[in-house]
Amino acid sequence: MSAKQTTKPAPKRKSKRDRRMKIAIYIMIFAMVVSTITYGLALFVGF
């Protein structure tokens, strides 16, 4: 008797490069949000 073989492909792992790109994009978005908030606070405090 032979073991039943599955034809399902193995789940594809993300490469390190893809993961690094995703992290860099998240960091850039976070930095933009923080800079926008701090700019708004600076304007608010300035008046």
Protein backbone atom coordinates (compact mmCIF):
# COMPACT_ATOMS: atom_id res chain seq x y z
CA MET A 1 0.00 0.00 0.00
CA SER A 2 1.24 3.45 -0.84
CA ALA A 3 0.46 6.63 1.05
CA LYS A 4 -2.11 8.86 -0.58
CA GLN A 5 -0.45 11.84 -2.22
CA THR A 6 -2.06 15.24 -2.03
CA THR A 7 -1.99 17.58 -5.00
CA LYS A 8 -2.38 20.69 -2.83
CA PRO A 9 0.63 22.99 -3.17
CA ALA A 10 2.42 23.95 0.03
CA PRO A 11 1.56 27.42 1.35
CA LYS A 12 4.00 29.92 -0.10
CA ARG A 13 6.18 31.64 2.46
CA LYS A 14 6.84 35.36 2.19
CA SER A 15 10.42 36.12 1.30
CA LYS A 16 12.54 38.22 3.63
CA ARG A 17 12.60 40.99 1.05
CA ASP A 18 8.79 41.15 0.88
CA ARG A 19 8.58 41.20 4.65
CA ARG A 20 11.17 44.00 4.90
CA MET A 21 9.33 46.05 2.27
CA LYS A 22 6.04 45.65 4.16
CA ILE A 23 7.64 46.70 7.45
CA ALA A 24 9.26 49.73 5.78
CA ILE A 25 5.91 50.81 4.31
CA TYR A 26 4.20 50.49 7.70
CA ILE A 27 6.97 52.55 9.33
CA MET A 28 6.62 55.27 6.68
CA ILE A 29 2.83 55.44 7.14
CA PHE A 30 3.26 55.62 10.92
CA ALA A 31 5.84 58.40 10.54
CA MET A 32 3.50 60.39 8.29
CA VAL A 33 0.62 60.09 10.76
CA VAL A 34 2.82 61.13 13.69
CA SER A 35 4.27 64.10 11.80
CA THR A 36 0.78 65.25 10.79
CA ILE A 37 -0.41 65.07 14.40
CA THR A 38 2.62 66.93 15.73
CA TYR A 39 2.25 69.59 13.02
CA GLY A 40 -1.39 70.06 14.01
CA LEU A 41 -0.42 70.35 17.67
CA ALA A 42 2.26 72.90 16.80
CA LEU A 43 -0.30 75.01 14.94
CA PHE A 44 -2.78 74.65 17.78
CA VAL A 45 -0.22 75.65 20.43
CA GLY A 46 1.06 78.50 18.24
CA PHE A 47 -2.27 80.35 18.30
